[in-house]
Amino acid sequence: MQIRPFEPKDEESVVRLWTNCGLVVPWNDPRRDIQRKLKVQPELFLVACLDGRVVGSVMAGYDGHRGWINYLAVLPEHQRAGIGRRLMEQAETRLRGMGCPKINVLVRTENAAVIAFYRRLGFKTDDVVSLGKGLKNSD
């Protein structure tokens, strides 16, 4: 398996991956999210490939205070093979290299399997409330 930065040729495969993993929701356009990420820290957008095929992804970011993980996904037929763990290790290494002291991740509360995965990686539930506010954007 190879983990490498996302390349534009990966877009269709990554959107299909995210769709197969249930990460695409009506209020987020995955293609737009990819284009936005390519403008900000594109080196933190990684894909895992097996035999030239994209089987996993992670989109990380660092705002100078905390690191964030988004779109960590592994094709269902390749889950539980260590790919997600290796993607997270690569993201953590890159974030640590930028001086990042802590990583945060948001998981939908009903997604017990993913919460358990992150707990196995050492993540703990923070005593916080996540609030969000949409900003109108022309892109």
Protein backbone atom coordinates (compact mmCIF):
# COMPACT_ATOMS: atom_id res chain seq x y z
CA MET A 1 0.00 0.00 0.00
CA GLN A 2 1.16 3.51 -0.81
CA ILE A 3 0.08 6.67 1.03
CA ARG A 4 0.66 9.83 -0.95
CA PRO A 5 -0.74 13.34 -1.38
CA PHE A 6 -3.99 13.67 -3.32
CA GLU A 7 -3.61 14.38 -7.03
CA PRO A 8 -6.33 15.91 -9.26
CA LYS A 9 -6.67 12.59 -11.14
CA ASP A 10 -7.90 11.05 -7.84
CA GLU A 11 -11.03 13.20 -7.60
CA GLU A 12 -13.60 10.73 -9.00
CA SER A 13 -12.16 7.85 -6.98
CA VAL A 14 -12.17 9.90 -3.78
CA VAL A 15 -15.75 11.10 -4.27
CA ARG A 16 -16.81 7.49 -4.90
CA LEU A 17 -14.90 6.41 -1.76
CA TRP A 18 -16.59 9.05 0.38
CA THR A 19 -19.99 8.13 -1.06
CA ASN A 20 -19.43 4.41 -0.38
CA CYS A 21 -18.45 5.24 3.20
CA GLY A 22 -21.51 7.43 3.85
CA LEU A 23 -19.53 10.66 4.22
CA VAL A 24 -21.36 12.59 1.49
CA VAL A 25 -24.30 14.55 2.84
CA PRO A 26 -26.65 16.89 0.97
CA TRP A 27 -25.24 20.04 2.55
CA ASN A 28 -21.59 19.31 1.58
CA ASP A 29 -20.54 19.10 -2.04
CA PRO A 30 -17.54 16.72 -2.05
CA ARG A 31 -16.07 18.19 -5.23
CA ARG A 32 -16.25 21.67 -3.78
CA ASP A 33 -14.65 20.41 -0.54
CA ILE A 34 -11.80 18.95 -2.58
CA GLN A 35 -11.27 22.21 -4.48
CA ARG A 36 -11.27 24.18 -1.23
CA LYS A 37 -8.73 21.82 0.33
CA LEU A 38 -6.42 22.12 -2.67
CA LYS A 39 -6.20 25.86 -1.91
CA VAL A 40 -5.28 25.38 1.77
CA GLN A 41 -2.61 22.94 2.96
CA PRO A 42 -3.02 20.48 0.07
CA GLU A 43 -0.07 18.50 1.46
CA LEU A 44 -2.38 17.40 4.29
CA PHE A 45 -4.83 15.70 1.91
CA LEU A 46 -3.65 12.10 1.60
CA VAL A 47 -4.85 9.01 -0.23
CA ALA A 48 -4.04 5.35 0.31
CA CYS A 49 -3.61 3.28 -2.86
CA LEU A 50 -3.50 -0.45 -3.44
CA ASP A 51 -2.40 -1.57 -6.90
CA GLY A 52 -2.94 1.98 -8.18
CA ARG A 53 -6.51 2.15 -6.85
CA VAL A 54 -7.58 4.69 -4.20
CA VAL A 55 -8.87 2.74 -1.19
CA GLY A 56 -8.60 5.39 1.54
CA SER A 57 -8.28 9.09 2.27
CA VAL A 58 -7.73 11.60 5.02
CA MET A 59 -8.02 15.36 4.87
CA ALA A 60 -6.15 17.08 7.72
CA GLY A 61 -5.69 20.71 8.59
CA TYR A 62 -3.90 22.87 11.13
CA ASP A 63 -5.11 26.31 12.14
CA GLY A 64 -2.14 27.19 14.38
CA HIS A 65 -4.00 26.05 17.50
CA ARG A 66 -5.44 22.60 16.74
CA GLY A 67 -5.24 20.01 14.04
CA TRP A 68 -8.41 18.70 12.45
CA ILE A 69 -9.24 15.46 10.67
CA ASN A 70 -11.92 15.24 8.00
CA TYR A 71 -12.91 12.68 5.41
CA LEU A 72 -10.97 9.78 6.91
CA ALA A 73 -12.39 6.92 4.87
CA VAL A 74 -11.47 3.40 3.79
CA LEU A 75 -13.45 1.39 1.26
CA PRO A 76 -15.67 -1.04 3.20
CA GLU A 77 -14.01 -4.11 1.67
CA HIS A 78 -10.61 -2.88 2.92
CA GLN A 79 -11.65 -1.81 6.43
CA ARG A 80 -10.06 -3.50 9.45
CA ALA A 81 -6.81 -4.03 7.53
CA GLY A 82 -4.90 -1.16 9.15
CA ILE A 83 -5.34 1.34 6.32
CA GLY A 84 -7.25 3.88 8.41
CA ARG A 85 -4.68 3.60 11.18
CA ARG A 86 -1.83 4.16 8.71
CA LEU A 87 -3.57 7.16 7.18
CA MET A 88 -4.00 8.66 10.65
CA GLU A 89 -0.34 7.98 11.49
CA GLN A 90 0.72 9.86 8.36
CA ALA A 91 -1.63 12.76 9.13
CA GLU A 92 -0.40 12.90 12.74
CA THR A 93 3.24 12.87 11.64
CA ARG A 94 2.65 15.77 9.25
CA LEU A 95 0.66 17.75 11.83
CA ARG A 96 3.27 17.11 14.53
CA GLY A 97 5.93 18.37 12.10
CA MET A 98 4.00 21.63 11.82
CA GLY A 99 4.04 22.06 15.62
CA CYS A 100 0.44 20.94 16.14
CA PRO A 101 -0.19 20.12 19.84
CA LYS A 102 -3.58 18.37 19.58
CA ILE A 103 -5.88 16.85 16.95
CA ASN A 104 -9.64 17.19 16.97
CA VAL A 105 -12.13 15.17 14.96
CA LEU A 106 -15.89 15.50 14.63
CA VAL A 107 -17.92 12.30 14.33
CA ARG A 108 -21.67 12.07 14.02
CA THR A 109 -23.01 10.81 17.36
CA GLU A 110 -24.84 7.87 15.77
CA ASN A 111 -21.65 6.54 14.18
CA ALA A 112 -20.61 4.19 17.00
CA ALA A 113 -18.20 2.14 14.87
CA VAL A 114 -16.18 5.22 13.89
CA ILE A 115 -16.18 6.54 17.45
CA ALA A 116 -14.80 3.17 18.59
CA PHE A 117 -12.12 3.33 15.86
CA TYR A 118 -10.91 6.74 17.06
CA ARG A 119 -10.93 5.57 20.68
CA ARG A 120 -8.68 2.66 19.70
CA LEU A 121 -6.30 5.28 18.24
CA GLY A 122 -6.16 7.11 21.58
CA PHE A 123 -8.81 9.79 21.04
CA LYS A 124 -11.00 10.70 24.00
CA THR A 125 -14.31 12.51 24.18
CA ASP A 126 -13.75 16.18 25.01
CA ASP A 127 -16.26 17.87 27.31
CA VAL A 128 -17.31 20.44 24.71
CA VAL A 129 -20.28 21.31 22.56
CA SER A 130 -19.65 21.65 18.85
CA LEU A 131 -21.39 24.66 17.36
CA GLY A 132 -21.49 25.58 13.71
CA LYS A 133 -22.53 28.52 11.58
CA GLY A 134 -22.77 28.44 7.81
CA LEU A 135 -21.23 31.27 5.86
CA LYS A 136 -22.56 32.16 2.44
CA ASN A 137 -19.86 31.58 -0.12
CA SER A 138 -19.89 32.24 -3.82
CA ASP A 139 -17.56 29.32 -4.60
